[in-house]
Protein backbone atom coordinates (compact mmCIF):
# COMPACT_ATOMS: atom_id res chain seq x y z
CA MET A 1 0.00 0.00 0.00
CA LYS A 2 1.38 3.31 -1.05
CA PHE A 3 0.57 6.86 0.00
CA TYR A 4 0.06 9.29 -2.88
CA LYS A 5 0.80 12.94 -2.04
CA PRO A 6 -0.41 12.86 1.60
CA PHE A 7 0.44 16.51 2.33
CA PHE A 8 -3.10 17.84 1.73
CA SER A 9 -4.73 15.20 3.94
CA ILE A 10 -2.23 15.74 6.73
CA ILE A 11 -2.96 19.48 6.68
CA THR A 12 -6.75 18.97 6.73
CA ILE A 13 -6.49 16.44 9.56
CA LEU A 14 -4.33 18.84 11.59
CA ILE A 15 -6.77 21.70 10.96
CA GLN A 16 -9.67 19.55 12.13
CA LEU A 17 -7.64 18.50 15.17
CA MET A 18 -7.06 22.15 16.10
CA LEU A 19 -10.75 22.96 15.64
CA SER A 20 -11.74 19.96 17.76
CA LEU A 21 -9.36 21.02 20.53
CA LYS A 22 -10.80 24.55 20.39
CA HIS A 23 -14.33 23.17 20.78
CA HIS A 24 -13.16 20.92 23.59
CA TYR A 25 -11.70 23.81 25.58
CA GLU A 26 -14.88 25.84 24.99
CA HIS A 27 -16.89 22.88 26.28
CA ILE A 28 -14.72 22.61 29.41
CA LYS A 29 -15.12 26.33 30.05
CA TRP A 30 -18.89 26.15 29.58
CA THR A 31 -19.11 23.09 31.85
CA GLU A 32 -17.24 24.82 34.67
CA GLU A 33 -19.42 27.92 34.40
CA MET A 34 -22.64 25.86 34.43
CA LYS A 35 -21.53 23.85 37.45
CA LYS A 36 -20.88 27.06 39.37
CA THR A 37 -24.01 28.98 38.36
CA ASP A 38 -26.69 26.28 38.38
CA PRO A 39 -25.62 22.75 39.31
CA GLU A 40 -29.20 21.39 39.26
CA LEU A 41 -29.77 22.56 35.70
CA PHE A 42 -26.37 21.23 34.68
CA GLY A 43 -27.42 17.75 35.79
CA LEU A 44 -30.42 17.90 33.46
CA ILE A 45 -28.60 19.14 30.35
CA CYS A 46 -27.43 16.59 27.83
CA TYR A 47 -24.69 18.31 25.85
CA ASN A 48 -23.88 16.50 22.62
CA THR A 49 -20.18 16.65 21.79
CA THR A 50 -19.78 15.92 18.10
CA TYR A 51 -16.36 17.46 17.61
CA THR A 52 -14.49 14.32 18.65
CA SER A 53 -16.26 12.01 16.24
CA LEU A 54 -16.06 14.64 13.49
CA PHE A 55 -12.27 14.55 13.86
CA ILE A 56 -12.33 10.76 13.51
CA PHE A 57 -14.49 11.04 10.37
CA VAL A 58 -12.13 13.57 8.78
CA CYS A 59 -9.16 11.40 9.74
CA ILE A 60 -10.68 8.30 8.10
CA ILE A 61 -11.62 10.15 4.91
CA GLY A 62 -8.20 11.84 4.84
CA PHE A 63 -6.46 8.48 5.21
CA TYR A 64 -8.42 7.13 2.24
CA GLU A 65 -7.50 10.24 0.26
CA MET A 66 -3.83 9.45 0.94
CA LEU A 67 -4.29 5.94 -0.45
CA THR A 68 -5.99 7.12 -3.65
CA LYS A 69 -3.96 7.68 -6.81
CA PRO A 70 -4.08 11.20 -8.29
CA SER A 71 -7.25 11.38 -10.38
CA TRP A 72 -10.57 13.19 -10.56
CA PHE A 73 -11.83 11.04 -7.65
CA LYS A 74 -8.98 12.24 -5.42
CA THR A 75 -9.90 15.84 -6.30
CA ILE A 76 -13.53 15.19 -5.34
CA ILE A 77 -12.46 13.69 -2.01
CA ARG A 78 -10.31 16.77 -1.32
CA ILE A 79 -13.19 19.12 -2.14
CA PHE A 80 -15.43 17.05 0.10
CA LEU A 81 -12.96 17.27 3.00
CA VAL A 82 -12.77 21.04 2.63
CA CYS A 83 -16.58 21.27 2.52
CA ILE A 84 -16.86 19.23 5.73
CA ILE A 85 -14.40 21.44 7.58
CA LEU A 86 -15.79 24.73 6.28
CA GLY A 87 -19.40 23.58 6.63
CA THR A 88 -19.03 22.67 10.28
CA THR A 89 -16.88 25.69 11.11
CA PHE A 90 -19.14 28.29 9.51
CA SER A 91 -22.49 26.56 10.06
CA ASP A 92 -23.64 29.38 12.34
CA PHE A 93 -23.53 31.82 9.42
CA ILE A 94 -25.58 29.66 7.04
CA PRO A 95 -29.32 30.31 7.42
CA ILE A 96 -30.36 26.66 7.15
CA ASP A 97 -31.87 25.04 10.22
CA GLN A 98 -29.60 22.32 11.67
CA PHE A 99 -27.00 22.76 8.90
CA TYR A 100 -24.20 21.61 11.20
CA TYR A 101 -25.89 18.28 11.84
CA GLY A 102 -26.56 17.82 8.14
CA VAL A 103 -22.85 18.19 7.40
CA TYR A 104 -22.03 16.00 10.40
CA ASN A 105 -24.34 13.20 9.26
CA THR A 106 -22.96 13.42 5.73
CA ALA A 107 -19.43 13.09 7.12
CA TRP A 108 -20.56 10.14 9.25
CA PHE A 109 -22.03 8.32 6.25
CA SER A 110 -18.98 9.10 4.13
CA ALA A 111 -16.65 7.77 6.82
CA VAL A 112 -18.57 4.48 6.95
CA VAL A 113 -18.38 4.14 3.15
CA THR A 114 -14.69 5.02 3.31
CA ILE A 115 -14.04 2.31 5.91
CA VAL A 116 -15.63 -0.24 3.58
CA LEU A 117 -13.49 1.01 0.67
CA ILE A 118 -10.34 0.85 2.81
CA LEU A 119 -11.15 -2.72 3.88
CA VAL A 120 -11.71 -3.73 0.25
CA ARG A 121 -8.38 -2.16 -0.72
CA ILE A 122 -6.56 -3.90 2.15
CA GLY A 123 -8.19 -7.20 1.17
CA LYS A 124 -7.13 -6.84 -2.47
CA TYR A 125 -3.61 -5.93 -1.39
CA SER A 126 -3.27 -8.84 1.01
CA PHE A 127 -4.70 -11.37 -1.46
CA GLY A 128 -2.31 -10.05 -4.09
CA LYS A 129 0.62 -10.55 -1.73
CA ILE A 130 -0.54 -14.09 -0.87
CA ASN A 131 -0.87 -14.98 -4.55
CA ASP A 132 2.58 -13.52 -5.30
CA ARG A 133 4.12 -15.68 -2.57
CA LYS A 134 2.40 -18.78 -3.91
CA LEU A 135 3.66 -18.03 -7.43
CA ASN A 136 7.19 -17.46 -6.15
CA LYS A 137 7.17 -20.78 -4.26
CA ALA A 138 5.77 -22.61 -7.27
CA SER A 139 8.43 -21.22 -9.60
CA ARG A 140 11.32 -22.45 -7.41
């Protein structure tokens, strides 16, 4: 398995990591303030943290982009990664109700499809290696 021009994916994964850490520190700050001001209300609030899983989704899609040979499909994956990052970052400015969760769910679905594609690629690679070994032993 070979990585093809992984620089773009590494940069997008690092950007998403920084954004996730920023959201995490904001969450910690908000949690401490809520515990101090109204601990009873804090016990009732269910705060959904999606920034951690969003980082995992971007990491999976970015890893698949690294494995893909340069082609139009690789360009589409790159555009898609940028749309995920920009869509979640600037979702507050887009006047569509629940836009963030739409982008999040799209990233989730894409990460699942990407995992399947990665497993297929690993399977093809490993079966190719096994067949090569059998051919090498047979030729001796």
